[in-house]
C-alpha atoms as a PDB file:
ATOM      1  CA  MET A   1      71.162 102.669 109.466  1.00  0.00           C
ATOM      2  CA  SER A   2      68.529 104.851 111.006  1.00  0.00           C
ATOM      3  CA  GLU A   3      67.034 106.289 107.820  1.00  0.00           C
ATOM      4  CA  THR A   4      64.695 104.313 105.617  1.00  0.00           C
ATOM      5  CA  ALA A   5      64.155 104.495 101.929  1.00  0.00           C
ATOM      6  CA  HIS A   6      60.775 106.104 102.359  1.00  0.00           C
ATOM      7  CA  ASP A   7      60.685 107.907 105.664  1.00  0.00           C
ATOM      8  CA  GLY A   8      60.671 111.417 104.213  1.00  0.00           C
ATOM      9  CA  SER A   9      63.210 112.403 106.851  1.00  0.00           C
ATOM     10  CA  GLY A  10      65.182 114.623 104.497  1.00  0.00           C
ATOM     11  CA  ALA A  11      65.091 116.376 101.170  1.00  0.00           C
ATOM     12  CA  THR A  12      63.843 114.356  98.260  1.00  0.00           C
ATOM     13  CA  GLY A  13      64.454 115.592  94.769  1.00  0.00           C
ATOM     14  CA  GLY A  14      64.798 119.361  94.358  1.00  0.00           C
ATOM     15  CA  SER A  15      68.200 120.992  94.610  1.00  0.00           C
ATOM     16  CA  GLY A  16      69.613 118.102  96.665  1.00  0.00           C
ATOM     17  CA  GLU A  17      68.942 115.748  93.772  1.00  0.00           C
ATOM     18  CA  GLN A  18      70.126 118.149  91.083  1.00  0.00           C
ATOM     19  CA  LEU A  19      73.477 118.588  92.842  1.00  0.00           C
ATOM     20  CA  ASP A  20      73.956 114.927  93.752  1.00  0.00           C
ATOM     21  CA  PRO A  21      76.910 113.640  91.709  1.00  0.00           C
ATOM     22  CA  LEU A  22      75.756 110.005  91.975  1.00  0.00           C
ATOM     23  CA  ILE A  23      72.542 110.507  89.997  1.00  0.00           C
ATOM     24  CA  GLY A  24      72.970 108.662  86.698  1.00  0.00           C
ATOM     25  CA  THR A  25      76.108 106.822  87.838  1.00  0.00           C
ATOM     26  CA  ALA A  26      76.676 103.252  89.014  1.00  0.00           C
ATOM     27  CA  VAL A  27      77.222 102.110  92.594  1.00  0.00           C
ATOM     28  CA  GLY A  28      78.319  98.511  92.378  1.00  0.00           C
ATOM     29  CA  ALA A  29      75.902  96.763  90.034  1.00  0.00           C
ATOM     30  CA  TYR A  30      73.212  99.405  90.537  1.00  0.00           C
ATOM     31  CA  ARG A  31      72.511 102.541  88.498  1.00  0.00           C
ATOM     32  CA  ILE A  32      71.332 105.463  90.633  1.00  0.00           C
ATOM     33  CA  SER A  33      68.184 107.050  89.216  1.00  0.00           C
ATOM     34  CA  SER A  34      66.985 109.458  91.921  1.00  0.00           C
ATOM     35  CA  LEU A  35      67.425 110.593  95.512  1.00  0.00           C
ATOM     36  CA  LEU A  36      64.783 109.289  97.903  1.00  0.00           C
ATOM     37  CA  GLY A  37      65.930 110.826 101.183  1.00  0.00           C
ATOM     38  CA  ILE A  38      68.727 112.395 103.205  1.00  0.00           C
ATOM     39  CA  GLY A  39      69.231 111.716 106.886  1.00  0.00           C
ATOM     40  CA  GLY A  40      71.819 111.785 109.604  1.00  0.00           C
ATOM     41  CA  MET A  41      73.343 108.486 108.524  1.00  0.00           C
ATOM     42  CA  GLY A  42      73.537 109.125 104.804  1.00  0.00           C
ATOM     43  CA  ARG A  43      71.492 109.089 101.615  1.00  0.00           C
ATOM     44  CA  VAL A  44      68.917 106.697 100.225  1.00  0.00           C
ATOM     45  CA  TYR A  45      68.584 106.352  96.480  1.00  0.00           C
ATOM     46  CA  ASN A  46      66.220 104.770  94.037  1.00  0.00           C
ATOM     47  CA  ALA A  47      68.338 102.588  91.765  1.00  0.00           C
ATOM     48  CA  LEU A  48      67.990  99.948  89.080  1.00  0.00           C
ATOM     49  CA  ALA A  49      69.560  96.515  89.259  1.00  0.00           C
ATOM     50  CA  ASP A  50      71.043  94.770  86.222  1.00  0.00           C
ATOM     51  CA  ASP A  51      67.640  93.274  85.419  1.00  0.00           C
ATOM     52  CA  HIS A  52      66.104  96.795  85.602  1.00  0.00           C
ATOM     53  CA  SER A  53      64.183  96.011  88.792  1.00  0.00           C
ATOM     54  CA  PRO A  54      63.910  98.982  91.196  1.00  0.00           C
ATOM     55  CA  VAL A  55      65.780  98.822  94.491  1.00  0.00           C
ATOM     56  CA  ALA A  56      66.494 101.161  97.389  1.00  0.00           C
ATOM     57  CA  LEU A  57      70.210 101.729  97.964  1.00  0.00           C
ATOM     58  CA  LYS A  58      71.449 103.156 101.265  1.00  0.00           C
ATOM     59  CA  LEU A  59      74.864 104.830 101.153  1.00  0.00           C
ATOM     60  CA  VAL A  60      76.333 106.064 104.435  1.00  0.00           C
ATOM     61  CA  ARG A  61      78.121 109.365 104.984  1.00  0.00           C
ATOM     62  CA  LYS A  62      81.866 109.303 104.370  1.00  0.00           C
ATOM     63  CA  GLU A  63      82.730 110.474 107.877  1.00  0.00           C
ATOM     64  CA  LEU A  64      80.678 107.659 109.401  1.00  0.00           C
ATOM     65  CA  ALA A  65      82.368 105.166 107.100  1.00  0.00           C
ATOM     66  CA  ARG A  66      85.626 106.015 108.887  1.00  0.00           C
ATOM     67  CA  ASP A  67      84.111 105.167 112.291  1.00  0.00           C
ATOM     68  CA  THR A  68      85.081 101.620 113.260  1.00  0.00           C
ATOM     69  CA  VAL A  69      82.120 101.080 115.599  1.00  0.00           C
ATOM     70  CA  PHE A  70      79.677 102.378 113.003  1.00  0.00           C
ATOM     71  CA  ARG A  71      81.144 100.088 110.332  1.00  0.00           C
ATOM     72  CA  ARG A  72      80.755  97.094 112.609  1.00  0.00           C
ATOM     73  CA  ARG A  73      77.175  98.091 113.393  1.00  0.00           C
ATOM     74  CA  PHE A  74      76.421  98.549 109.693  1.00  0.00           C
ATOM     75  CA  ASP A  75      77.855  95.118 108.869  1.00  0.00           C
ATOM     76  CA  ARG A  76      75.676  93.653 111.597  1.00  0.00           C
ATOM     77  CA  GLU A  77      72.574  95.329 110.148  1.00  0.00           C
ATOM     78  CA  VAL A  78      73.221  93.576 106.850  1.00  0.00           C
ATOM     79  CA  ARG A  79      73.819  90.186 108.471  1.00  0.00           C
ATOM     80  CA  VAL A  80      70.798  90.546 110.756  1.00  0.00           C
ATOM     81  CA  ALA A  81      68.392  91.488 107.981  1.00  0.00           C
ATOM     82  CA  GLN A  82      69.627  88.728 105.698  1.00  0.00           C
ATOM     83  CA  ARG A  83      68.905  86.007 108.237  1.00  0.00           C
ATOM     84  CA  ILE A  84      65.168  86.812 108.505  1.00  0.00           C
ATOM     85  CA  ALA A  85      62.780  85.539 105.824  1.00  0.00           C
ATOM     86  CA  ASN A  86      59.303  86.963 106.349  1.00  0.00           C
ATOM     87  CA  ARG A  87      56.989  88.812 103.994  1.00  0.00           C
ATOM     88  CA  HIS A  88      56.594  91.599 106.560  1.00  0.00           C
ATOM     89  CA  VAL A  89      60.343  92.246 106.927  1.00  0.00           C
ATOM     90  CA  VAL A  90      62.019  94.261 104.149  1.00  0.00           C
ATOM     91  CA  PRO A  91      64.740  92.003 102.695  1.00  0.00           C
ATOM     92  CA  VAL A  92      68.329  93.113 102.214  1.00  0.00           C
ATOM     93  CA  LEU A  93      69.306  91.952  98.748  1.00  0.00           C
ATOM     94  CA  ASP A  94      72.954  92.940  98.588  1.00  0.00           C
ATOM     95  CA  SER A  95      75.698  95.025 100.167  1.00  0.00           C
ATOM     96  CA  GLY A  96      79.058  96.370  99.171  1.00  0.00           C
ATOM     97  CA  GLU A  97      81.419  99.318  99.216  1.00  0.00           C
ATOM     98  CA  HIS A  98      81.682 102.316  96.872  1.00  0.00           C
ATOM     99  CA  ASP A  99      84.792 104.512  97.063  1.00  0.00           C
ATOM    100  CA  GLY A 100      85.413 103.265 100.591  1.00  0.00           C
ATOM    101  CA  VAL A 101      81.818 103.880 101.719  1.00  0.00           C
ATOM    102  CA  PRO A 102      79.533 100.935 102.580  1.00  0.00           C
ATOM    103  CA  TYR A 103      76.081 100.553 101.098  1.00  0.00           C
ATOM    104  CA  LEU A 104      73.215  98.111 101.314  1.00  0.00           C
ATOM    105  CA  VAL A 105      70.483  97.316  98.830  1.00  0.00           C
ATOM    106  CA  GLN A 106      66.884  96.540  99.745  1.00  0.00           C
ATOM    107  CA  ARG A 107      63.756  95.707  97.821  1.00  0.00           C
ATOM    108  CA  PHE A 108      62.032  98.931  96.856  1.00  0.00           C
ATOM    109  CA  ILE A 109      58.701  99.320  98.660  1.00  0.00           C
ATOM    110  CA  GLN A 110      56.477 101.518  96.519  1.00  0.00           C
ATOM    111  CA  GLY A 111      53.900 102.751  99.018  1.00  0.00           C
ATOM    112  CA  GLY A 112      56.181 104.897 101.179  1.00  0.00           C
ATOM    113  CA  SER A 113      56.388 104.724 104.967  1.00  0.00           C
ATOM    114  CA  LEU A 114      53.739 104.766 107.643  1.00  0.00           C
ATOM    115  CA  ALA A 115      55.268 108.090 108.723  1.00  0.00           C
ATOM    116  CA  ASP A 116      54.511 109.467 105.249  1.00  0.00           C
ATOM    117  CA  ARG A 117      50.924 108.263 105.460  1.00  0.00           C
ATOM    118  CA  LEU A 118      50.397 109.688 108.925  1.00  0.00           C
ATOM    119  CA  ARG A 119      51.734 113.051 107.791  1.00  0.00           C
ATOM    120  CA  ARG A 120      49.112 113.053 105.046  1.00  0.00           C
ATOM    121  CA  GLU A 121      46.159 111.624 106.974  1.00  0.00           C
ATOM    122  CA  GLN A 122      47.113 112.302 110.632  1.00  0.00           C
ATOM    123  CA  ARG A 123      45.159 109.276 111.873  1.00  0.00           C
ATOM    124  CA  LEU A 124      43.848 106.033 110.405  1.00  0.00           C
ATOM    125  CA  GLU A 125      40.564 104.173 110.540  1.00  0.00           C
ATOM    126  CA  ILE A 126      40.541 101.471 113.211  1.00  0.00           C
ATOM    127  CA  GLY A 127      40.552  98.633 110.683  1.00  0.00           C
ATOM    128  CA  ASP A 128      43.531 100.086 108.796  1.00  0.00           C
ATOM    129  CA  ALA A 129      45.491 100.703 111.997  1.00  0.00           C
ATOM    130  CA  LEU A 130      44.906  97.176 113.269  1.00  0.00           C
ATOM    131  CA  GLY A 131      45.751  95.666 109.880  1.00  0.00           C
ATOM    132  CA  ILE A 132      49.105  97.443 109.881  1.00  0.00           C
ATOM    133  CA  CYS A 133      49.639  96.345 113.483  1.00  0.00           C
ATOM    134  CA  ALA A 134      49.005  92.697 112.545  1.00  0.00           C
ATOM    135  CA  ASP A 135      51.474  92.862 109.648  1.00  0.00           C
ATOM    136  CA  VAL A 136      54.190  94.487 111.747  1.00  0.00           C
ATOM    137  CA  ALA A 137      53.504  92.018 114.559  1.00  0.00           C
ATOM    138  CA  ASP A 138      54.021  89.117 112.154  1.00  0.00           C
ATOM    139  CA  GLY A 139      57.339  90.596 111.061  1.00  0.00           C
ATOM    140  CA  LEU A 140      58.442  91.339 114.621  1.00  0.00           C
ATOM    141  CA  ASP A 141      57.691  87.811 115.777  1.00  0.00           C
ATOM    142  CA  ALA A 142      59.944  86.576 112.967  1.00  0.00           C
ATOM    143  CA  VAL A 143      62.595  88.971 114.290  1.00  0.00           C
ATOM    144  CA  PHE A 144      62.088  87.599 117.805  1.00  0.00           C
ATOM    145  CA  ALA A 145      62.241  84.001 116.506  1.00  0.00           C
ATOM    146  CA  ALA A 146      65.669  84.807 115.054  1.00  0.00           C
ATOM    147  CA  GLY A 147      66.796  85.772 118.553  1.00  0.00           C
ATOM    148  CA  LEU A 148      66.678  89.501 117.902  1.00  0.00           C
ATOM    149  CA  VAL A 149      65.127  92.649 119.348  1.00  0.00           C
ATOM    150  CA  HIS A 150      64.562  95.444 116.812  1.00  0.00           C
ATOM    151  CA  ARG A 151      64.758  98.363 119.326  1.00  0.00           C
ATOM    152  CA  ASP A 152      63.610 101.063 116.888  1.00  0.00           C
ATOM    153  CA  VAL A 153      60.024 100.312 115.884  1.00  0.00           C
ATOM    154  CA  LYS A 154      58.454 103.575 114.702  1.00  0.00           C
ATOM    155  CA  PRO A 155      56.364 104.810 111.741  1.00  0.00           C
ATOM    156  CA  ALA A 156      59.461 105.771 109.723  1.00  0.00           C
ATOM    157  CA  ASN A 157      60.672 102.164 109.945  1.00  0.00           C
ATOM    158  CA  ILE A 158      57.367 100.680 108.764  1.00  0.00           C
ATOM    159  CA  LEU A 159      57.029 100.646 104.979  1.00  0.00           C
ATOM    160  CA  LEU A 160      53.791 100.120 103.067  1.00  0.00           C
ATOM    161  CA  GLU A 161      53.071  98.194  99.899  1.00  0.00           C
ATOM    162  CA  LEU A 162      50.607  99.649  97.404  1.00  0.00           C
ATOM    163  CA  ASP A 163      47.963  97.227  98.729  1.00  0.00           C
ATOM    164  CA  GLY A 164      48.443  98.690 102.221  1.00  0.00           C
ATOM    165  CA  SER A 165      50.336  95.761 103.730  1.00  0.00           C
ATOM    166  CA  ALA A 166      53.179  96.740 106.046  1.00  0.00           C
ATOM    167  CA  LEU A 167      56.807  95.691 106.426  1.00  0.00           C
ATOM    168  CA  ILE A 168      59.313  96.430 109.176  1.00  0.00           C
ATOM    169  CA  THR A 169      62.744  97.700 108.136  1.00  0.00           C
ATOM    170  CA  ASP A 170      66.002  99.124 109.506  1.00  0.00           C
ATOM    171  CA  PHE A 171      67.972  96.778 111.748  1.00  0.00           C
ATOM    172  CA  GLY A 172      70.724  99.238 112.617  1.00  0.00           C
ATOM    173  CA  LEU A 173      69.852  99.063 116.326  1.00  0.00           C
ATOM    174  CA  ALA A 174      68.831  95.395 116.466  1.00  0.00           C
ATOM    175  CA  LYS A 175      70.322  93.436 119.328  1.00  0.00           C
ATOM    176  CA  ASP A 176      70.908  89.731 119.808  1.00  0.00           C
ATOM    177  CA  SER A 177      72.436  87.668 122.572  1.00  0.00           C
ATOM    178  CA  ASP A 178      75.493  86.837 120.449  1.00  0.00           C
ATOM    179  CA  ALA A 179      76.210  90.403 119.340  1.00  0.00           C
ATOM    180  CA  THR A 180      79.396  92.194 120.247  1.00  0.00           C
ATOM    181  CA  GLN A 181      78.691  95.213 122.446  1.00  0.00           C
ATOM    182  CA  LEU A 182      78.641  98.166 120.034  1.00  0.00           C
ATOM    183  CA  THR A 183      77.335 100.829 122.398  1.00  0.00           C
ATOM    184  CA  ARG A 184      78.411 102.115 125.777  1.00  0.00           C
ATOM    185  CA  THR A 185      77.061 100.272 128.781  1.00  0.00           C
ATOM    186  CA  GLY A 186      73.735 101.800 129.806  1.00  0.00           C
ATOM    187  CA  GLN A 187      73.424 103.801 126.590  1.00  0.00           C
ATOM    188  CA  ALA A 188      69.830 104.092 125.359  1.00  0.00           C
ATOM    189  CA  LEU A 189      69.281 103.817 121.626  1.00  0.00           C
ATOM    190  CA  GLY A 190      66.053 104.357 119.731  1.00  0.00           C
ATOM    191  CA  SER A 191      63.394 107.030 119.242  1.00  0.00           C
ATOM    192  CA  LEU A 192      62.118 108.461 122.498  1.00  0.00           C
ATOM    193  CA  ASP A 193      58.457 108.778 121.431  1.00  0.00           C
ATOM    194  CA  TYR A 194      58.367 104.965 121.090  1.00  0.00           C
ATOM    195  CA  MET A 195      60.961 103.892 123.642  1.00  0.00           C
ATOM    196  CA  ALA A 196      60.104 101.522 126.483  1.00  0.00           C
ATOM    197  CA  PRO A 197      61.133 102.404 130.064  1.00  0.00           C
ATOM    198  CA  GLU A 198      63.681  99.585 130.298  1.00  0.00           C
ATOM    199  CA  GLN A 199      65.286 100.791 127.072  1.00  0.00           C
ATOM    200  CA  ILE A 200      65.514 104.344 128.402  1.00  0.00           C
ATOM    201  CA  ARG A 201      67.177 103.042 131.562  1.00  0.00           C
ATOM    202  CA  GLY A 202      69.708 101.065 129.496  1.00  0.00           C
ATOM    203  CA  GLU A 203      68.495  97.765 130.960  1.00  0.00           C
ATOM    204  CA  ASP A 204      68.087  94.425 129.209  1.00  0.00           C
ATOM    205  CA  VAL A 205      65.545  94.479 126.393  1.00  0.00           C
ATOM    206  CA  GLY A 206      63.373  91.726 124.969  1.00  0.00           C
ATOM    207  CA  ALA A 207      60.350  91.070 122.810  1.00  0.00           C
ATOM    208  CA  ALA A 208      58.180  93.117 125.185  1.00  0.00           C
ATOM    209  CA  THR A 209      60.362  96.161 124.421  1.00  0.00           C
ATOM    210  CA  ASP A 210      59.325  96.070 120.773  1.00  0.00           C
ATOM    211  CA  VAL A 211      55.727  95.381 121.804  1.00  0.00           C
ATOM    212  CA  TYR A 212      55.821  98.668 123.763  1.00  0.00           C
ATOM    213  CA  ALA A 213      57.020 100.536 120.673  1.00  0.00           C
ATOM    214  CA  LEU A 214      54.352  98.857 118.551  1.00  0.00           C
ATOM    215  CA  GLY A 215      51.757  99.975 121.090  1.00  0.00           C
ATOM    216  CA  CYS A 216      52.983 103.564 120.722  1.00  0.00           C
ATOM    217  CA  VAL A 217      52.697 103.256 116.934  1.00  0.00           C
ATOM    218  CA  VAL A 218      49.141 101.900 117.157  1.00  0.00           C
ATOM    219  CA  TYR A 219      48.237 104.711 119.566  1.00  0.00           C
ATOM    220  CA  GLN A 220      49.559 107.256 117.069  1.00  0.00           C
ATOM    221  CA  CYS A 221      47.682 105.636 114.178  1.00  0.00           C
ATOM    222  CA  LEU A 222      44.421 105.891 116.113  1.00  0.00           C
ATOM    223  CA  CYS A 223      44.873 109.240 117.860  1.00  0.00           C
ATOM    224  CA  GLY A 224      47.103 111.187 115.483  1.00  0.00           C
ATOM    225  CA  SER A 225      50.113 111.447 117.804  1.00  0.00           C
ATOM    226  CA  PRO A 226      52.201 109.176 120.081  1.00  0.00           C
ATOM    227  CA  PRO A 227      51.104 108.707 123.713  1.00  0.00           C
ATOM    228  CA  PHE A 228      53.166 111.558 125.213  1.00  0.00           C
ATOM    229  CA  SER A 229      53.439 113.880 122.221  1.00  0.00           C
ATOM    230  CA  GLY A 230      52.840 116.988 124.345  1.00  0.00           C
ATOM    231  CA  ALA A 231      56.120 116.447 126.205  1.00  0.00           C
ATOM    232  CA  ARG A 232      59.630 117.018 124.921  1.00  0.00           C
ATOM    233  CA  GLY A 233      63.169 116.369 126.101  1.00  0.00           C
ATOM    234  CA  MET A 234      63.403 115.368 129.746  1.00  0.00           C
ATOM    235  CA  GLN A 235      59.642 115.718 130.158  1.00  0.00           C
ATOM    236  CA  LEU A 236      59.097 113.077 127.484  1.00  0.00           C
ATOM    237  CA  LEU A 237      61.700 110.814 129.041  1.00  0.00           C
ATOM    238  CA  TRP A 238      60.011 111.156 132.433  1.00  0.00           C
ATOM    239  CA  ALA A 239      56.578 110.535 130.919  1.00  0.00           C
ATOM    240  CA  GLN A 240      57.730 107.282 129.350  1.00  0.00           C
ATOM    241  CA  LEU A 241      59.174 106.206 132.686  1.00  0.00           C
ATOM    242  CA  GLN A 242      56.398 107.321 135.035  1.00  0.00           C
ATOM    243  CA  ASP A 243      53.216 108.706 133.447  1.00  0.00           C
ATOM    244  CA  GLU A 244      50.141 106.831 132.321  1.00  0.00           C
ATOM    245  CA  PRO A 245      48.915 107.656 128.808  1.00  0.00           C
ATOM    246  CA  ARG A 246      45.369 108.806 128.173  1.00  0.00           C
ATOM    247  CA  ASP A 247      42.879 106.209 127.025  1.00  0.00           C
ATOM    248  CA  PRO A 248      42.903 106.425 123.209  1.00  0.00           C
ATOM    249  CA  CYS A 249      39.120 106.035 123.253  1.00  0.00           C
ATOM    250  CA  ASP A 250      39.024 109.606 124.604  1.00  0.00           C
ATOM    251  CA  GLU A 251      39.956 110.569 121.031  1.00  0.00           C
ATOM    252  CA  LEU A 252      37.690 107.944 119.457  1.00  0.00           C
ATOM    253  CA  PRO A 253      34.154 108.429 120.779  1.00  0.00           C
ATOM    254  CA  HIS A 254      32.726 105.778 118.452  1.00  0.00           C
ATOM    255  CA  ALA A 255      35.337 103.104 119.192  1.00  0.00           C
ATOM    256  CA  PRO A 256      34.392  99.986 121.196  1.00  0.00           C
ATOM    257  CA  PRO A 257      35.182 100.785 124.865  1.00  0.00           C
ATOM    258  CA  ALA A 258      37.335  97.660 125.149  1.00  0.00           C
ATOM    259  CA  LEU A 259      39.758  98.936 122.505  1.00  0.00           C
ATOM    260  CA  GLY A 260      41.381 101.590 124.707  1.00  0.00           C
ATOM    261  CA  PRO A 261      42.498  99.217 127.479  1.00  0.00           C
ATOM    262  CA  ALA A 262      43.632  96.703 124.862  1.00  0.00           C
ATOM    263  CA  VAL A 263      45.866  99.304 123.198  1.00  0.00           C
ATOM    264  CA  LEU A 264      47.285 100.371 126.564  1.00  0.00           C
ATOM    265  CA  ARG A 265      48.241  96.796 127.535  1.00  0.00           C
ATOM    266  CA  ALA A 266      51.378  97.248 125.450  1.00  0.00           C
ATOM    267  CA  LEU A 267      52.341 100.403 127.350  1.00  0.00           C
ATOM    268  CA  GLY A 268      52.795  98.919 130.799  1.00  0.00           C
ATOM    269  CA  LYS A 269      55.870 100.291 132.560  1.00  0.00           C
ATOM    270  CA  ASP A 270      56.838  96.773 133.637  1.00  0.00           C
ATOM    271  CA  PRO A 271      57.592  94.607 130.588  1.00  0.00           C
ATOM    272  CA  ARG A 272      56.172  91.574 132.401  1.00  0.00           C
ATOM    273  CA  THR A 273      52.692  93.128 132.271  1.00  0.00           C
ATOM    274  CA  ARG A 274      52.705  93.548 128.482  1.00  0.00           C
ATOM    275  CA  PRO A 275      51.673  90.978 125.879  1.00  0.00           C
ATOM    276  CA  GLN A 276      54.692  88.742 125.481  1.00  0.00           C
ATOM    277  CA  SER A 277      54.510  88.524 121.696  1.00  0.00           C
ATOM    278  CA  ALA A 278      53.573  91.051 119.058  1.00  0.00           C
ATOM    279  CA  LYS A 279      51.017  88.747 117.446  1.00  0.00           C
ATOM    280  CA  GLU A 280      49.342  88.161 120.809  1.00  0.00           C
ATOM    281  CA  TYR A 281      48.997  91.929 121.085  1.00  0.00           C
ATOM    282  CA  ALA A 282      47.599  92.265 117.560  1.00  0.00           C
ATOM    283  CA  ARG A 283      45.056  89.504 118.178  1.00  0.00           C
ATOM    284  CA  SER A 284      43.898  91.155 121.396  1.00  0.00           C
ATOM    285  CA  LEU A 285      43.316  94.451 119.570  1.00  0.00           C
ATOM    286  CA  HIS A 286      41.227  92.781 116.879  1.00  0.00           C
ATOM    287  CA  GLU A 287      39.152  91.004 119.508  1.00  0.00           C
ATOM    288  CA  ALA A 288      38.604  94.210 121.478  1.00  0.00           C
ATOM    289  CA  ALA A 289      37.604  96.124 118.353  1.00  0.00           C
ATOM    290  CA  GLY A 290      35.398  93.345 117.006  1.00  0.00           C
ATOM    291  CA  VAL A 291      37.397  93.409 113.766  1.00  0.00           C
ATOM    292  CA  ALA A 292      38.341  90.198 111.957  1.00  0.00           C
ATOM    293  CA  GLU A 293      42.062  89.690 111.492  1.00  0.00           C
ATOM    294  CA  HIS A 294      43.184  89.978 107.894  1.00  0.00           C
ATOM    295  CA  SER A 295      44.941  87.137 106.087  1.00  0.00           C
ATOM    296  CA  ARG A 296      48.154  88.864 104.972  1.00  0.00           C
ATOM    297  CA  GLN A 297      50.337  87.174 107.580  1.00  0.00           C
ATOM    298  CA  SER A 298      53.094  84.748 106.626  1.00  0.00           C
ATOM    299  CA  ASP A 299      52.644  81.036 106.707  1.00  0.00           C
END
């Protein structure tokens, strides 16, 4: 499901909440308390479990629930997320069906999304950006170890705890070698601002594909916008395929000169030239910046 509980991608509260008939009712074992967001795939609610713990409940749109391919993809998202145990991957706690519409339940992450934070602050301090990168890298390597490629790493799919630690969420586009083909051959899925060239071309994807997206996220955290934010539509597609991004140190006059090339290592057009694991990339950024890696990573 391409929305997250905290991505701010749609209305939250206001008239949408006042008119929502589910507020105050039960969906499965969960009582809906408020509307967190509305997106193309459905609605995300804040809810309470039987033990009164807060959860995020994602309920898809009724018309999508009637789509066989979407239902299969949704079921896969639940199975995929449940097979990964890592403190930097948002866990799926439960799933079910309400009036013929599927839903999933995740742990509620109180700090909002990285997209929310970037909207407020535009850019982050180097240490904060690299700390988030290290957390996401730890989660992504757990995803890779499970034989998966996330394929939609972006700020809206990175959630933040109140202490600032980051978690990756939303496995609606995740791909594994055993998965049934749920998209047309050659179809590109993902968010174009963060999409690797091989993904745009509909070619095979791997760990380096998510490393590319993580590099775009780090670039945005440091510079205030993704690498090719000035382009749109076909221009953006072409830029991801052919153009070289500006050195982020052009925007960061006080940054160590080695940081720019280290960030750009993830954005190589050929996946073979990129760091081959997310944690390798995160370590290289810390070394280039002269910043000690934090200790929030999983055992």
